[in-house]
């Protein structure tokens, strides 16, 4: 049976919870059609985030890797299309690092595209009533740092990897100032997306672009 590693970031920025980690806890051991899910927690820290996921890859030997992070302000689950070779942190990470205009990998290319079937993932979630969109920016904080770093590590392997951003949980914003999603819906969406990864060796022809 194939194996799918899903990782979730710890809380950061003063929050006491991160929906990525809360969802990942619920996904541990999930049996998909043709695969089983394994998980790990990731620190919101520059290089340690990459090192943690690399160690989990070495331990579990997965066929697929999905790294997951929180995107406050987004109203949908958003598989990312591209990781860029830039660290430019608006706030410090959990160890106080705040790089500005630095490369994630000094000798790496400017960008890596996701190797997951991101459009198939989005279509599968939408078909089940879960708000989902393709995103064309993973930001320049630790989420993008991890996305890029793991793509760089896996560049000469057959392991497929990509990053998925998820909204805040309902309890993280109760004043209506930011969109939220229930944790149950986040978990369901990630489960559907995970099955779509296993089911689609190649991505589908599905329009999901943006004008600007």
N, C-alpha and C. Protein backbone atom coordinates (compact mmCIF):
# COMPACT_ATOMS: atom_id res chain seq x y z
N UNK A 1 0.84 -1.20 0.00
CA UNK A 1 0.00 0.00 0.00
C UNK A 1 0.87 1.25 0.00
N UNK A 2 0.45 2.25 -0.76
CA UNK A 2 1.22 3.48 -0.82
C UNK A 2 1.04 4.27 0.48
N UNK A 3 1.95 5.24 0.65
CA UNK A 3 1.95 6.03 1.88
C UNK A 3 1.96 7.51 1.53
N UNK A 4 1.14 8.27 2.24
CA UNK A 4 1.04 9.71 2.03
C UNK A 4 1.36 10.42 3.34
N UNK A 5 2.43 11.20 3.34
CA UNK A 5 2.83 11.97 4.52
C UNK A 5 2.19 13.35 4.46
N UNK A 6 1.44 13.70 5.51
CA UNK A 6 0.85 15.03 5.63
C UNK A 6 1.44 15.70 6.86
N UNK A 7 1.98 16.91 6.70
CA UNK A 7 2.59 17.61 7.82
C UNK A 7 1.81 18.88 8.14
N UNK A 8 1.84 19.29 9.41
CA UNK A 8 1.15 20.50 9.84
C UNK A 8 2.01 21.34 10.75
N UNK A 9 1.97 22.65 10.54
CA UNK A 9 2.76 23.57 11.35
C UNK A 9 2.20 23.75 12.75
N UNK A 10 3.11 23.99 13.68
CA UNK A 10 2.74 24.36 15.04
C UNK A 10 2.18 25.79 15.06
N UNK A 11 1.56 26.23 16.17
CA UNK A 11 1.07 27.61 16.26
C UNK A 11 2.21 28.62 16.13
N UNK A 12 1.88 29.82 15.66
CA UNK A 12 2.87 30.89 15.53
C UNK A 12 2.16 32.23 15.64
N UNK A 13 2.95 33.29 15.72
CA UNK A 13 2.40 34.63 15.72
C UNK A 13 1.52 34.95 16.90
N UNK A 14 1.73 34.27 18.02
CA UNK A 14 0.94 34.53 19.21
C UNK A 14 -0.30 33.68 19.35
N UNK A 15 -0.66 32.90 18.32
CA UNK A 15 -1.83 32.01 18.41
C UNK A 15 -1.50 30.79 19.26
N UNK A 16 -2.52 30.22 19.91
CA UNK A 16 -2.30 29.01 20.69
C UNK A 16 -2.67 27.75 19.93
N UNK A 17 -3.24 27.91 18.72
CA UNK A 17 -3.57 26.77 17.87
C UNK A 17 -3.26 27.10 16.42
N UNK A 18 -2.96 26.07 15.66
CA UNK A 18 -2.80 26.21 14.22
C UNK A 18 -3.72 25.16 13.58
N UNK A 19 -4.63 25.57 12.71
CA UNK A 19 -5.55 24.59 12.13
C UNK A 19 -4.83 23.50 11.34
N UNK A 20 -3.65 23.81 10.82
CA UNK A 20 -2.90 22.79 10.09
C UNK A 20 -2.54 21.62 11.00
N UNK A 21 -2.02 21.94 12.17
CA UNK A 21 -1.64 20.88 13.10
C UNK A 21 -2.87 20.18 13.66
N UNK A 22 -3.93 20.94 13.96
CA UNK A 22 -5.15 20.32 14.48
C UNK A 22 -5.75 19.35 13.47
N UNK A 23 -5.73 19.72 12.20
CA UNK A 23 -6.26 18.83 11.16
C UNK A 23 -5.38 17.60 10.99
N UNK A 24 -4.08 17.81 11.01
CA UNK A 24 -3.14 16.70 10.82
C UNK A 24 -3.30 15.65 11.93
N UNK A 25 -3.55 16.11 13.14
CA UNK A 25 -3.76 15.17 14.25
C UNK A 25 -4.91 14.22 13.94
N UNK A 26 -5.96 14.73 13.30
CA UNK A 26 -7.13 13.91 12.99
C UNK A 26 -6.90 12.99 11.79
N UNK A 27 -5.91 13.32 10.98
CA UNK A 27 -5.67 12.55 9.75
C UNK A 27 -4.71 11.38 9.95
N UNK A 28 -4.02 11.34 11.07
CA UNK A 28 -3.06 10.26 11.32
C UNK A 28 -3.74 8.89 11.21
N UNK A 29 -3.16 8.04 10.37
CA UNK A 29 -3.67 6.69 10.21
C UNK A 29 -4.86 6.54 9.29
N UNK A 30 -5.30 7.64 8.67
CA UNK A 30 -6.45 7.58 7.76
C UNK A 30 -6.16 6.61 6.62
N UNK A 31 -7.09 5.70 6.38
CA UNK A 31 -6.94 4.74 5.29
C UNK A 31 -7.71 5.23 4.07
N UNK A 32 -6.96 5.55 3.02
CA UNK A 32 -7.54 5.95 1.75
C UNK A 32 -7.68 4.72 0.86
N UNK A 33 -8.28 4.89 -0.29
CA UNK A 33 -8.31 3.80 -1.27
C UNK A 33 -6.93 3.75 -1.95
N UNK A 34 -6.12 2.78 -1.54
CA UNK A 34 -4.81 2.63 -2.14
C UNK A 34 -3.66 3.26 -1.39
N UNK A 35 -3.94 3.86 -0.24
CA UNK A 35 -2.86 4.51 0.52
C UNK A 35 -3.27 4.70 1.97
N UNK A 36 -2.29 4.92 2.82
CA UNK A 36 -2.51 5.24 4.22
C UNK A 36 -1.79 6.53 4.55
N UNK A 37 -2.37 7.33 5.45
CA UNK A 37 -1.81 8.62 5.81
C UNK A 37 -0.96 8.51 7.06
N UNK A 38 0.24 9.10 7.01
CA UNK A 38 1.08 9.29 8.19
C UNK A 38 1.31 10.79 8.32
N UNK A 39 1.63 11.25 9.52
CA UNK A 39 1.70 12.69 9.75
C UNK A 39 2.91 13.07 10.59
N UNK A 40 3.20 14.37 10.60
CA UNK A 40 4.18 14.90 11.55
C UNK A 40 3.92 16.38 11.79
N UNK A 41 4.35 16.85 12.96
CA UNK A 41 4.26 18.24 13.36
C UNK A 41 5.53 18.96 12.94
N UNK A 42 5.39 20.21 12.50
CA UNK A 42 6.52 20.97 11.96
C UNK A 42 6.69 22.30 12.72
N UNK A 43 7.89 22.62 13.17
CA UNK A 43 8.12 23.91 13.82
C UNK A 43 8.09 25.05 12.81
N UNK A 44 7.57 26.20 13.23
CA UNK A 44 7.53 27.38 12.37
C UNK A 44 8.86 28.11 12.52
N UNK A 45 9.89 27.47 12.02
CA UNK A 45 11.26 27.97 12.17
C UNK A 45 12.03 27.69 10.88
N UNK A 46 12.64 28.69 10.36
CA UNK A 46 13.49 28.69 9.18
C UNK A 46 13.93 27.28 8.75
N UNK A 47 15.18 26.93 8.89
CA UNK A 47 15.69 25.67 8.38
C UNK A 47 15.15 24.45 9.13
N UNK A 48 14.78 24.61 10.40
CA UNK A 48 14.31 23.45 11.17
C UNK A 48 13.03 22.86 10.60
N UNK A 49 12.21 23.70 9.96
CA UNK A 49 11.00 23.17 9.33
C UNK A 49 11.36 22.19 8.22
N UNK A 50 12.31 22.55 7.40
CA UNK A 50 12.75 21.67 6.31
C UNK A 50 13.38 20.41 6.87
N UNK A 51 14.26 20.56 7.84
CA UNK A 51 14.95 19.41 8.42
C UNK A 51 13.96 18.42 9.04
N UNK A 52 12.92 18.94 9.69
CA UNK A 52 11.92 18.08 10.33
C UNK A 52 11.18 17.23 9.30
N UNK A 53 10.78 17.85 8.20
CA UNK A 53 10.04 17.10 7.18
C UNK A 53 10.96 16.13 6.45
N UNK A 54 12.19 16.53 6.20
CA UNK A 54 13.15 15.59 5.58
C UNK A 54 13.33 14.36 6.46
N UNK A 55 13.42 14.55 7.76
CA UNK A 55 13.56 13.41 8.65
C UNK A 55 12.32 12.51 8.61
N UNK A 56 11.13 13.13 8.53
CA UNK A 56 9.90 12.34 8.43
C UNK A 56 9.85 11.57 7.11
N UNK A 57 10.36 12.16 6.05
CA UNK A 57 10.42 11.47 4.76
C UNK A 57 11.35 10.27 4.85
N UNK A 58 12.50 10.45 5.49
CA UNK A 58 13.44 9.35 5.65
C UNK A 58 12.85 8.24 6.51
N UNK A 59 12.09 8.62 7.53
CA UNK A 59 11.49 7.64 8.43
C UNK A 59 10.36 6.85 7.76
N UNK A 60 9.46 7.56 7.08
CA UNK A 60 8.25 6.94 6.56
C UNK A 60 8.36 6.45 5.12
N UNK A 61 9.33 6.99 4.35
CA UNK A 61 9.48 6.61 2.94
C UNK A 61 8.16 6.72 2.17
N UNK A 62 7.54 7.92 2.17
CA UNK A 62 6.23 8.06 1.53
C UNK A 62 6.33 8.14 0.01
N UNK A 63 5.20 7.90 -0.63
CA UNK A 63 5.07 8.10 -2.07
C UNK A 63 4.67 9.54 -2.40
N UNK A 64 3.98 10.17 -1.45
CA UNK A 64 3.51 11.54 -1.62
C UNK A 64 3.74 12.30 -0.31
N UNK A 65 3.97 13.62 -0.44
CA UNK A 65 4.11 14.48 0.73
C UNK A 65 3.24 15.71 0.52
N UNK A 66 2.41 16.02 1.52
CA UNK A 66 1.59 17.22 1.50
C UNK A 66 1.94 18.04 2.74
N UNK A 67 2.52 19.20 2.53
CA UNK A 67 2.81 20.10 3.64
C UNK A 67 1.66 21.11 3.73
N UNK A 68 1.19 21.36 4.95
CA UNK A 68 -0.03 22.16 5.16
C UNK A 68 0.26 23.31 6.11
N UNK A 69 -0.30 24.48 5.79
CA UNK A 69 -0.13 25.64 6.65
C UNK A 69 -1.37 26.51 6.68
N UNK A 70 -1.40 27.40 7.66
CA UNK A 70 -2.51 28.33 7.88
C UNK A 70 -2.35 29.57 7.02
N UNK A 71 -3.45 30.02 6.43
CA UNK A 71 -3.45 31.28 5.68
C UNK A 71 -4.61 32.13 6.16
N UNK A 72 -4.38 32.93 7.18
CA UNK A 72 -5.41 33.82 7.68
C UNK A 72 -5.83 34.81 6.60
N UNK A 73 -7.14 34.88 6.35
CA UNK A 73 -7.65 35.77 5.31
C UNK A 73 -8.19 35.02 4.11
N UNK A 74 -7.81 33.75 3.96
CA UNK A 74 -8.35 32.94 2.86
C UNK A 74 -9.62 32.24 3.30
N UNK A 75 -10.54 32.10 2.35
CA UNK A 75 -11.84 31.50 2.66
C UNK A 75 -11.98 30.09 2.10
N UNK A 76 -10.92 29.58 1.46
CA UNK A 76 -10.98 28.27 0.82
C UNK A 76 -9.70 27.50 1.11
N UNK A 77 -9.76 26.19 0.90
CA UNK A 77 -8.55 25.36 0.94
C UNK A 77 -7.83 25.55 -0.39
N UNK A 78 -6.56 25.90 -0.34
CA UNK A 78 -5.87 26.35 -1.55
C UNK A 78 -4.55 25.61 -1.77
N UNK A 79 -4.56 24.56 -2.59
CA UNK A 79 -3.29 23.96 -3.02
C UNK A 79 -2.45 25.00 -3.77
N UNK A 80 -1.19 25.05 -3.45
CA UNK A 80 -0.29 26.03 -4.05
C UNK A 80 0.32 25.52 -5.35
N UNK A 81 0.44 26.41 -6.32
CA UNK A 81 1.03 26.05 -7.60
C UNK A 81 2.56 26.15 -7.58
N UNK A 82 3.11 27.16 -6.88
CA UNK A 82 4.53 27.46 -7.05
C UNK A 82 5.17 27.89 -5.74
N UNK A 83 6.40 27.47 -5.53
CA UNK A 83 7.24 27.93 -4.41
C UNK A 83 8.37 28.77 -4.99
N UNK A 84 8.67 29.90 -4.37
CA UNK A 84 9.73 30.77 -4.88
C UNK A 84 10.93 30.79 -3.93
N UNK A 85 12.07 31.07 -4.50
CA UNK A 85 13.34 31.01 -3.75
C UNK A 85 13.61 32.32 -3.03
N UNK A 86 12.69 32.68 -2.15
CA UNK A 86 12.80 33.94 -1.39
C UNK A 86 12.29 33.74 0.04
N UNK A 87 13.07 34.20 0.99
CA UNK A 87 12.63 34.37 2.38
C UNK A 87 12.54 35.86 2.65
N UNK A 88 11.34 36.36 2.96
CA UNK A 88 11.14 37.77 3.27
C UNK A 88 10.03 37.84 4.31
N UNK A 89 10.41 37.76 5.59
CA UNK A 89 9.45 37.53 6.67
C UNK A 89 8.90 38.85 7.22
N UNK A 90 7.59 39.00 7.17
CA UNK A 90 6.95 40.18 7.75
C UNK A 90 7.02 40.16 9.27
N UNK A 91 6.98 38.95 9.87
CA UNK A 91 7.12 38.78 11.31
C UNK A 91 8.20 37.74 11.57
N UNK A 92 8.79 37.73 12.76
CA UNK A 92 9.80 36.70 13.06
C UNK A 92 9.16 35.32 13.13
N UNK A 93 9.95 34.29 12.83
CA UNK A 93 9.48 32.92 13.05
C UNK A 93 9.53 32.61 14.54
N UNK A 94 9.25 31.39 14.92
CA UNK A 94 9.15 31.06 16.35
C UNK A 94 10.49 31.02 17.07
N UNK A 95 11.58 31.12 16.34
CA UNK A 95 12.90 31.25 16.97
C UNK A 95 13.48 32.64 16.80
N UNK A 96 12.67 33.58 16.32
CA UNK A 96 13.10 34.97 16.20
C UNK A 96 13.81 35.32 14.91
N UNK A 97 13.90 34.38 13.95
CA UNK A 97 14.54 34.69 12.67
C UNK A 97 13.61 35.54 11.83
N UNK A 98 14.16 36.56 11.18
CA UNK A 98 13.37 37.40 10.29
C UNK A 98 14.20 37.82 9.08
N UNK A 99 14.48 36.87 8.19
CA UNK A 99 15.27 37.20 7.00
C UNK A 99 14.50 38.13 6.06
N UNK A 100 15.24 38.94 5.36
CA UNK A 100 14.66 39.85 4.37
C UNK A 100 15.39 39.66 3.05
N UNK A 101 14.66 39.31 2.02
CA UNK A 101 15.20 39.16 0.67
C UNK A 101 16.40 38.22 0.62
N UNK A 102 16.27 37.09 1.32
CA UNK A 102 17.30 36.06 1.26
C UNK A 102 16.78 34.86 0.49
N UNK A 103 17.68 34.08 -0.09
CA UNK A 103 17.29 32.88 -0.81
C UNK A 103 17.06 31.73 0.17
N UNK A 104 16.11 30.87 -0.15
CA UNK A 104 15.91 29.64 0.62
C UNK A 104 17.08 28.71 0.38
N UNK A 105 17.45 28.53 -0.88
CA UNK A 105 18.59 27.72 -1.28
C UNK A 105 19.47 28.56 -2.18
N UNK A 106 20.69 28.83 -1.75
CA UNK A 106 21.56 29.78 -2.44
C UNK A 106 21.79 29.41 -3.90
N UNK A 107 21.92 28.13 -4.19
CA UNK A 107 22.20 27.70 -5.56
C UNK A 107 20.97 27.13 -6.27
N UNK A 108 19.81 27.27 -5.67
CA UNK A 108 18.60 26.71 -6.25
C UNK A 108 17.99 27.59 -7.32
N UNK A 109 17.08 27.04 -8.12
CA UNK A 109 16.39 27.83 -9.14
C UNK A 109 15.46 28.85 -8.50
N UNK A 110 14.95 29.75 -9.33
CA UNK A 110 14.07 30.80 -8.80
C UNK A 110 12.77 30.24 -8.24
N UNK A 111 12.30 29.11 -8.77
CA UNK A 111 11.01 28.57 -8.33
C UNK A 111 10.92 27.08 -8.62
N UNK A 112 10.02 26.42 -7.90
CA UNK A 112 9.63 25.04 -8.17
C UNK A 112 8.11 25.00 -8.25
N UNK A 113 7.59 24.23 -9.22
CA UNK A 113 6.16 23.99 -9.28
C UNK A 113 5.80 22.77 -8.45
N UNK A 114 4.60 22.76 -7.89
CA UNK A 114 4.09 21.60 -7.19
C UNK A 114 4.09 20.40 -8.13
N UNK A 115 4.37 19.23 -7.59
CA UNK A 115 4.28 18.01 -8.38
C UNK A 115 3.02 17.21 -8.04
N UNK A 116 2.13 17.81 -7.27
CA UNK A 116 0.84 17.18 -6.97
C UNK A 116 -0.19 17.57 -8.03
N UNK A 117 -1.26 16.79 -8.21
CA UNK A 117 -2.33 17.12 -9.15
C UNK A 117 -3.26 18.17 -8.54
N UNK A 118 -2.80 19.41 -8.48
CA UNK A 118 -3.50 20.44 -7.70
C UNK A 118 -4.90 20.74 -8.24
N UNK A 119 -5.07 20.66 -9.54
CA UNK A 119 -6.40 20.95 -10.09
C UNK A 119 -7.37 19.81 -9.81
N UNK A 120 -6.87 18.58 -9.87
CA UNK A 120 -7.72 17.44 -9.50
C UNK A 120 -8.11 17.52 -8.04
N UNK A 121 -7.20 17.98 -7.19
CA UNK A 121 -7.49 18.14 -5.77
C UNK A 121 -8.59 19.18 -5.57
N UNK A 122 -8.45 20.32 -6.24
CA UNK A 122 -9.44 21.39 -6.11
C UNK A 122 -10.81 20.94 -6.62
N UNK A 123 -10.84 20.30 -7.78
CA UNK A 123 -12.11 19.85 -8.36
C UNK A 123 -12.79 18.84 -7.46
N UNK A 124 -12.01 17.92 -6.88
CA UNK A 124 -12.59 16.91 -6.00
C UNK A 124 -13.20 17.55 -4.76
N UNK A 125 -12.54 18.54 -4.19
CA UNK A 125 -13.09 19.22 -3.02
C UNK A 125 -14.33 20.02 -3.38
N UNK A 126 -14.28 20.74 -4.49
CA UNK A 126 -15.45 21.52 -4.92
C UNK A 126 -16.65 20.61 -5.16
N UNK A 127 -16.42 19.46 -5.78
CA UNK A 127 -17.51 18.54 -6.07
C UNK A 127 -18.19 18.02 -4.80
N UNK A 128 -17.46 18.05 -3.68
CA UNK A 128 -18.01 17.60 -2.40
C UNK A 128 -18.49 18.76 -1.54
N UNK A 129 -18.51 19.96 -2.12
CA UNK A 129 -19.04 21.11 -1.40
C UNK A 129 -18.05 21.82 -0.49
N UNK A 130 -16.76 21.51 -0.63
CA UNK A 130 -15.73 22.17 0.16
C UNK A 130 -15.13 23.32 -0.64
N UNK A 131 -15.18 24.56 -0.15
CA UNK A 131 -14.57 25.67 -0.89
C UNK A 131 -13.08 25.41 -1.15
N UNK A 132 -12.68 25.50 -2.40
CA UNK A 132 -11.29 25.20 -2.77
C UNK A 132 -10.91 25.98 -4.02
N UNK A 133 -9.67 26.42 -4.09
CA UNK A 133 -9.14 27.15 -5.24
C UNK A 133 -7.66 26.84 -5.39
N UNK A 134 -7.16 26.94 -6.61
CA UNK A 134 -5.71 26.92 -6.82
C UNK A 134 -5.15 28.27 -6.40
N UNK A 135 -4.06 28.27 -5.66
CA UNK A 135 -3.37 29.51 -5.29
C UNK A 135 -2.06 29.61 -6.06
N UNK A 136 -1.73 30.84 -6.46
CA UNK A 136 -0.50 31.08 -7.19
C UNK A 136 0.56 31.80 -6.36
N UNK A 137 0.32 31.90 -5.06
CA UNK A 137 1.35 32.45 -4.18
C UNK A 137 1.28 31.80 -2.81
N UNK A 138 2.40 31.26 -2.37
CA UNK A 138 2.49 30.67 -1.05
C UNK A 138 3.07 31.64 -0.03
N UNK A 139 3.16 32.92 -0.42
CA UNK A 139 3.74 33.92 0.46
C UNK A 139 5.26 33.87 0.46
N UNK A 140 5.85 34.50 1.47
CA UNK A 140 7.32 34.51 1.59
C UNK A 140 7.76 34.20 3.02
N UNK A 141 6.87 33.56 3.79
CA UNK A 141 7.16 33.21 5.18
C UNK A 141 7.58 31.74 5.23
N UNK A 142 7.43 31.10 6.36
CA UNK A 142 7.93 29.73 6.54
C UNK A 142 7.17 28.73 5.68
N UNK A 143 5.91 28.99 5.35
CA UNK A 143 5.17 28.08 4.47
C UNK A 143 5.88 27.95 3.12
N UNK A 144 6.16 29.08 2.48
CA UNK A 144 6.88 29.04 1.21
C UNK A 144 8.29 28.47 1.38
N UNK A 145 8.93 28.82 2.48
CA UNK A 145 10.27 28.31 2.79
C UNK A 145 10.28 26.78 2.81
N UNK A 146 9.29 26.20 3.49
CA UNK A 146 9.20 24.75 3.57
C UNK A 146 8.83 24.14 2.22
N UNK A 147 7.86 24.73 1.54
CA UNK A 147 7.44 24.26 0.23
C UNK A 147 8.65 24.19 -0.71
N UNK A 148 9.39 25.29 -0.79
CA UNK A 148 10.56 25.33 -1.67
C UNK A 148 11.62 24.33 -1.23
N UNK A 149 11.91 24.32 0.06
CA UNK A 149 12.98 23.47 0.57
C UNK A 149 12.73 21.99 0.33
N UNK A 150 11.48 21.55 0.50
CA UNK A 150 11.17 20.13 0.28
C UNK A 150 11.15 19.81 -1.22
N UNK A 151 10.66 20.74 -2.05
CA UNK A 151 10.75 20.51 -3.49
C UNK A 151 12.22 20.37 -3.93
N UNK A 152 13.07 21.18 -3.35
CA UNK A 152 14.50 21.12 -3.69
C UNK A 152 15.08 19.77 -3.25
N UNK A 153 14.72 19.33 -2.07
CA UNK A 153 15.22 18.05 -1.55
C UNK A 153 14.74 16.87 -2.40
N UNK A 154 13.49 16.94 -2.86
CA UNK A 154 12.89 15.83 -3.60
C UNK A 154 13.08 15.92 -5.11
N UNK A 155 13.84 16.89 -5.58
CA UNK A 155 13.88 17.20 -7.01
C UNK A 155 14.34 16.05 -7.89
N UNK A 156 15.15 15.14 -7.35
CA UNK A 156 15.65 14.02 -8.15
C UNK A 156 15.04 12.69 -7.72
N UNK A 157 13.89 12.74 -7.06
CA UNK A 157 13.20 11.53 -6.62
C UNK A 157 11.87 11.41 -7.35
N UNK A 158 11.18 10.32 -7.12
CA UNK A 158 9.83 10.13 -7.68
C UNK A 158 8.74 10.48 -6.67
N UNK A 159 9.12 11.02 -5.53
CA UNK A 159 8.16 11.39 -4.51
C UNK A 159 7.49 12.71 -4.90
N UNK A 160 6.16 12.72 -4.95
CA UNK A 160 5.43 13.93 -5.31
C UNK A 160 5.13 14.76 -4.06
N UNK A 161 5.25 16.07 -4.23
CA UNK A 161 5.06 16.95 -3.07
C UNK A 161 4.41 18.27 -3.49
N UNK A 162 3.64 18.80 -2.58
CA UNK A 162 3.10 20.14 -2.75
C UNK A 162 2.60 20.68 -1.43
N UNK A 163 2.28 21.96 -1.44
CA UNK A 163 1.84 22.66 -0.23
C UNK A 163 0.37 23.05 -0.36
N UNK A 164 -0.34 22.98 0.76
CA UNK A 164 -1.76 23.38 0.80
C UNK A 164 -1.96 24.36 1.94
N UNK A 165 -2.53 25.51 1.63
CA UNK A 165 -2.92 26.47 2.67
C UNK A 165 -4.40 26.25 3.02
N UNK A 166 -4.71 26.43 4.30
CA UNK A 166 -6.08 26.27 4.78
C UNK A 166 -6.51 27.52 5.55
N UNK A 167 -7.83 27.80 5.62
CA UNK A 167 -8.30 28.98 6.36
C UNK A 167 -8.13 28.81 7.87
N UNK A 168 -8.39 29.90 8.56
CA UNK A 168 -8.47 29.86 10.02
C UNK A 168 -9.65 28.98 10.44
N UNK A 169 -9.56 28.40 11.62
CA UNK A 169 -10.71 27.71 12.20
C UNK A 169 -11.71 28.73 12.74
N UNK A 170 -12.95 28.30 12.86
CA UNK A 170 -14.01 29.21 13.32
C UNK A 170 -13.65 29.91 14.62
N UNK A 171 -13.08 29.15 15.56
CA UNK A 171 -12.80 29.73 16.88
C UNK A 171 -11.63 30.69 16.89
N UNK A 172 -10.87 30.75 15.80
CA UNK A 172 -9.73 31.67 15.74
C UNK A 172 -10.14 33.10 15.41
N UNK A 173 -11.34 33.28 14.88
CA UNK A 173 -11.81 34.63 14.56
C UNK A 173 -13.33 34.65 14.68
N UNK A 174 -13.80 35.18 15.78
CA UNK A 174 -15.24 35.19 16.04
C UNK A 174 -15.88 36.56 15.80
N UNK A 175 -15.09 37.57 15.41
CA UNK A 175 -15.65 38.90 15.18
C UNK A 175 -16.00 39.16 13.72
N UNK A 176 -15.80 38.15 12.87
CA UNK A 176 -16.17 38.30 11.47
C UNK A 176 -15.19 39.07 10.62
N UNK A 177 -14.05 39.43 11.18
CA UNK A 177 -13.09 40.25 10.43
C UNK A 177 -12.28 39.44 9.41
N UNK A 178 -12.25 38.10 9.58
CA UNK A 178 -11.56 37.25 8.63
C UNK A 178 -12.42 36.01 8.35
N UNK A 179 -12.33 35.48 7.16
CA UNK A 179 -13.09 34.25 6.86
C UNK A 179 -12.54 33.08 7.65
N UNK A 180 -13.41 32.14 7.97
CA UNK A 180 -13.02 30.94 8.73
C UNK A 180 -13.70 29.71 8.13
N UNK A 181 -13.28 28.55 8.61
CA UNK A 181 -13.87 27.28 8.20
C UNK A 181 -13.85 26.36 9.41
N UNK A 182 -14.84 25.51 9.53
CA UNK A 182 -14.85 24.57 10.66
C UNK A 182 -13.71 23.57 10.50
N UNK A 183 -13.19 23.10 11.62
CA UNK A 183 -12.12 22.10 11.56
C UNK A 183 -12.61 20.84 10.88
N UNK A 184 -13.87 20.48 11.10
CA UNK A 184 -14.43 19.29 10.44
C UNK A 184 -14.35 19.43 8.92
N UNK A 185 -14.67 20.62 8.40
CA UNK A 185 -14.62 20.85 6.96
C UNK A 185 -13.19 20.85 6.44
N UNK A 186 -12.27 21.40 7.23
CA UNK A 186 -10.86 21.39 6.83
C UNK A 186 -10.36 19.95 6.73
N UNK A 187 -10.67 19.15 7.73
CA UNK A 187 -10.24 17.75 7.73
C UNK A 187 -10.86 17.01 6.56
N UNK A 188 -12.15 17.24 6.32
CA UNK A 188 -12.82 16.58 5.20
C UNK A 188 -12.17 16.98 3.88
N UNK A 189 -11.90 18.28 3.73
CA UNK A 189 -11.29 18.76 2.50
C UNK A 189 -9.92 18.17 2.25
N UNK A 190 -9.11 18.11 3.28
CA UNK A 190 -7.78 17.53 3.13
C UNK A 190 -7.85 16.04 2.83
N UNK A 191 -8.84 15.36 3.41
CA UNK A 191 -9.02 13.93 3.13
C UNK A 191 -9.40 13.71 1.66
N UNK A 192 -10.30 14.55 1.17
CA UNK A 192 -10.71 14.46 -0.24
C UNK A 192 -9.52 14.76 -1.15
N UNK A 193 -8.77 15.80 -0.81
CA UNK A 193 -7.59 16.15 -1.61
C UNK A 193 -6.57 15.02 -1.61
N UNK A 194 -6.39 14.39 -0.46
CA UNK A 194 -5.43 13.28 -0.36
C UNK A 194 -5.84 12.13 -1.27
N UNK A 195 -7.14 11.81 -1.30
CA UNK A 195 -7.60 10.74 -2.18
C UNK A 195 -7.40 11.10 -3.65
N UNK A 196 -7.60 12.38 -3.97
CA UNK A 196 -7.40 12.83 -5.35
C UNK A 196 -5.94 12.69 -5.77
N UNK A 197 -5.03 12.89 -4.84
CA UNK A 197 -3.60 12.72 -5.13
C UNK A 197 -3.32 11.27 -5.51
N UNK A 198 -3.85 10.36 -4.73
CA UNK A 198 -3.63 8.93 -4.97
C UNK A 198 -4.28 8.50 -6.29
N UNK A 199 -5.43 9.09 -6.61
CA UNK A 199 -6.21 8.68 -7.78
C UNK A 199 -5.70 9.26 -9.10
N UNK A 200 -4.86 10.31 -9.04
CA UNK A 200 -4.49 11.02 -10.26
C UNK A 200 -2.97 11.10 -10.42
N UNK A 201 -2.42 10.20 -11.25
CA UNK A 201 -0.98 10.26 -11.54
C UNK A 201 -0.64 11.53 -12.31
N UNK A 202 -1.57 11.99 -13.15
CA UNK A 202 -1.41 13.24 -13.87
C UNK A 202 -2.57 14.16 -13.53
N UNK A 203 -2.33 15.47 -13.60
CA UNK A 203 -3.38 16.42 -13.27
C UNK A 203 -4.43 16.47 -14.37
N UNK A 204 -5.60 16.98 -14.03
CA UNK A 204 -6.70 17.07 -14.97
C UNK A 204 -6.67 18.41 -15.70
N UNK A 205 -7.36 18.47 -16.83
CA UNK A 205 -7.49 19.71 -17.60
C UNK A 205 -8.69 20.47 -17.07
N UNK A 206 -8.42 21.39 -16.17
CA UNK A 206 -9.49 22.08 -15.44
C UNK A 206 -9.06 23.52 -15.22
N UNK A 207 -9.83 24.45 -15.75
CA UNK A 207 -9.47 25.87 -15.63
C UNK A 207 -9.51 26.34 -14.19
N UNK A 208 -8.38 26.89 -13.71
CA UNK A 208 -8.32 27.39 -12.34
C UNK A 208 -7.38 28.58 -12.23
N UNK A 209 -7.21 29.28 -13.35
CA UNK A 209 -6.31 30.43 -13.35
C UNK A 209 -6.98 31.69 -12.88
N UNK A 210 -6.19 32.75 -12.76
CA UNK A 210 -6.70 34.06 -12.38
C UNK A 210 -6.16 35.12 -13.32
N UNK A 211 -6.86 36.24 -13.44
CA UNK A 211 -6.42 37.32 -14.31
C UNK A 211 -5.33 38.14 -13.64
N UNK A 212 -5.49 38.38 -12.33
CA UNK A 212 -4.47 39.14 -11.62
C UNK A 212 -4.45 38.72 -10.16
